Amino acid sequence: MMKYSLLTVLLAFVAAAPTVSPAYAVCSSCNIQTKTPSATEPGKFDYRVSCIIDESGDEVNTAVTAATDEEAIEMTKKKGC
């Protein structure tokens, strides 16, 4: 019978445990919450976009600056929601 140290077992468990992070999240549902003219980038808008993470159902709010609504949602999804 092989004996493993507690540290070895814990490290193996942590390495195998899945990590969920908004940076790696997939969101199929995103909605624009706010849209205001950008004070720093003329011709663009400051958006707050709300997305639901598919895997967990958590809501994530992201701030982006974009020229169009479609661009804002695309930028948000590229950021990982």
C-alpha atoms as a PDB file:
ATOM      1  CA  MET A   1       0.000   0.000   0.000  1.00  0.00           C
ATOM      2  CA  MET A   2       1.376   3.430  -0.958  1.00  0.00           C
ATOM      3  CA  LYS A   3       1.361   6.236   1.532  1.00  0.00           C
ATOM      4  CA  TYR A   4       1.057   9.839   0.417  1.00  0.00           C
ATOM      5  CA  SER A   5       1.647  12.891   2.512  1.00  0.00           C
ATOM      6  CA  LEU A   6      -1.297  15.103   3.294  1.00  0.00           C
ATOM      7  CA  LEU A   7       0.364  17.917   1.346  1.00  0.00           C
ATOM      8  CA  THR A   8       0.694  15.735  -1.767  1.00  0.00           C
ATOM      9  CA  VAL A   9      -2.955  14.723  -1.600  1.00  0.00           C
ATOM     10  CA  LEU A  10      -4.117  18.314  -1.093  1.00  0.00           C
ATOM     11  CA  LEU A  11      -1.980  19.595  -3.970  1.00  0.00           C
ATOM     12  CA  ALA A  12      -3.343  16.902  -6.268  1.00  0.00           C
ATOM     13  CA  PHE A  13      -6.908  17.790  -5.282  1.00  0.00           C
ATOM     14  CA  VAL A  14      -6.391  21.516  -5.836  1.00  0.00           C
ATOM     15  CA  ALA A  15      -4.754  20.898  -9.226  1.00  0.00           C
ATOM     16  CA  ALA A  16      -7.645  18.688 -10.308  1.00  0.00           C
ATOM     17  CA  ALA A  17     -10.414  20.952  -9.048  1.00  0.00           C
ATOM     18  CA  PRO A  18     -12.060  22.954 -11.825  1.00  0.00           C
ATOM     19  CA  THR A  19     -11.669  26.696 -11.622  1.00  0.00           C
ATOM     20  CA  VAL A  20     -14.471  29.048 -12.555  1.00  0.00           C
ATOM     21  CA  SER A  21     -13.551  32.584 -13.307  1.00  0.00           C
ATOM     22  CA  PRO A  22     -15.336  35.323 -15.235  1.00  0.00           C
ATOM     23  CA  ALA A  23     -12.197  35.585 -17.340  1.00  0.00           C
ATOM     24  CA  TYR A  24     -12.956  32.122 -18.735  1.00  0.00           C
ATOM     25  CA  ALA A  25     -16.739  32.281 -18.557  1.00  0.00           C
ATOM     26  CA  VAL A  26     -19.136  31.675 -21.428  1.00  0.00           C
ATOM     27  CA  CYS A  27     -22.223  33.852 -21.598  1.00  0.00           C
ATOM     28  CA  SER A  28     -24.957  33.426 -24.178  1.00  0.00           C
ATOM     29  CA  SER A  29     -27.218  36.071 -22.655  1.00  0.00           C
ATOM     30  CA  CYS A  30     -26.008  39.676 -22.352  1.00  0.00           C
ATOM     31  CA  ASN A  31     -28.061  42.860 -22.008  1.00  0.00           C
ATOM     32  CA  ILE A  32     -27.114  46.530 -22.050  1.00  0.00           C
ATOM     33  CA  GLN A  33     -27.976  48.128 -18.711  1.00  0.00           C
ATOM     34  CA  THR A  34     -26.725  51.664 -19.319  1.00  0.00           C
ATOM     35  CA  LYS A  35     -25.440  53.663 -22.304  1.00  0.00           C
ATOM     36  CA  THR A  36     -24.037  57.173 -21.960  1.00  0.00           C
ATOM     37  CA  PRO A  37     -21.878  59.298 -24.284  1.00  0.00           C
ATOM     38  CA  SER A  38     -18.214  58.726 -23.459  1.00  0.00           C
ATOM     39  CA  ALA A  39     -16.464  61.658 -21.826  1.00  0.00           C
ATOM     40  CA  THR A  40     -13.037  60.305 -22.803  1.00  0.00           C
ATOM     41  CA  GLU A  41     -13.620  58.898 -26.297  1.00  0.00           C
ATOM     42  CA  PRO A  42     -15.651  61.188 -28.604  1.00  0.00           C
ATOM     43  CA  GLY A  43     -18.092  59.341 -30.861  1.00  0.00           C
ATOM     44  CA  LYS A  44     -18.294  56.352 -28.513  1.00  0.00           C
ATOM     45  CA  PHE A  45     -20.469  55.380 -25.575  1.00  0.00           C
ATOM     46  CA  ASP A  46     -19.752  54.060 -22.084  1.00  0.00           C
ATOM     47  CA  TYR A  47     -21.809  50.921 -21.509  1.00  0.00           C
ATOM     48  CA  ARG A  48     -22.595  48.762 -18.535  1.00  0.00           C
ATOM     49  CA  VAL A  49     -23.415  45.286 -19.853  1.00  0.00           C
ATOM     50  CA  SER A  50     -24.977  42.559 -17.727  1.00  0.00           C
ATOM     51  CA  CYS A  51     -24.394  38.894 -18.651  1.00  0.00           C
ATOM     52  CA  ILE A  52     -25.477  35.582 -17.170  1.00  0.00           C
ATOM     53  CA  ILE A  53     -22.690  32.979 -16.944  1.00  0.00           C
ATOM     54  CA  ASP A  54     -24.030  29.821 -18.594  1.00  0.00           C
ATOM     55  CA  GLU A  55     -22.316  27.357 -16.257  1.00  0.00           C
ATOM     56  CA  SER A  56     -23.199  28.929 -12.912  1.00  0.00           C
ATOM     57  CA  GLY A  57     -26.133  31.251 -13.615  1.00  0.00           C
ATOM     58  CA  ASP A  58     -24.245  34.101 -11.936  1.00  0.00           C
ATOM     59  CA  GLU A  59     -24.748  37.649 -13.189  1.00  0.00           C
ATOM     60  CA  VAL A  60     -21.664  39.661 -14.155  1.00  0.00           C
ATOM     61  CA  ASN A  61     -21.653  43.399 -14.884  1.00  0.00           C
ATOM     62  CA  THR A  62     -18.933  44.770 -17.149  1.00  0.00           C
ATOM     63  CA  ALA A  63     -18.085  48.344 -18.155  1.00  0.00           C
ATOM     64  CA  VAL A  64     -16.899  48.887 -21.747  1.00  0.00           C
ATOM     65  CA  THR A  65     -16.556  51.795 -24.178  1.00  0.00           C
ATOM     66  CA  ALA A  66     -17.742  51.109 -27.728  1.00  0.00           C
ATOM     67  CA  ALA A  67     -19.221  52.794 -30.809  1.00  0.00           C
ATOM     68  CA  THR A  68     -22.287  50.525 -31.115  1.00  0.00           C
ATOM     69  CA  ASP A  69     -24.477  48.288 -28.972  1.00  0.00           C
ATOM     70  CA  GLU A  70     -23.298  45.213 -30.901  1.00  0.00           C
ATOM     71  CA  GLU A  71     -19.645  46.141 -30.367  1.00  0.00           C
ATOM     72  CA  ALA A  72     -20.259  46.633 -26.633  1.00  0.00           C
ATOM     73  CA  ILE A  73     -21.773  43.160 -26.256  1.00  0.00           C
ATOM     74  CA  GLU A  74     -19.017  41.579 -28.377  1.00  0.00           C
ATOM     75  CA  MET A  75     -16.300  43.298 -26.293  1.00  0.00           C
ATOM     76  CA  THR A  76     -17.973  42.124 -23.093  1.00  0.00           C
ATOM     77  CA  LYS A  77     -18.077  38.503 -24.269  1.00  0.00           C
ATOM     78  CA  LYS A  78     -14.419  38.680 -25.322  1.00  0.00           C
ATOM     79  CA  LYS A  79     -13.547  39.861 -21.797  1.00  0.00           C
ATOM     80  CA  GLY A  80     -15.208  36.707 -20.480  1.00  0.00           C
ATOM     81  CA  CYS A  81     -18.515  38.345 -19.609  1.00  0.00           C
END
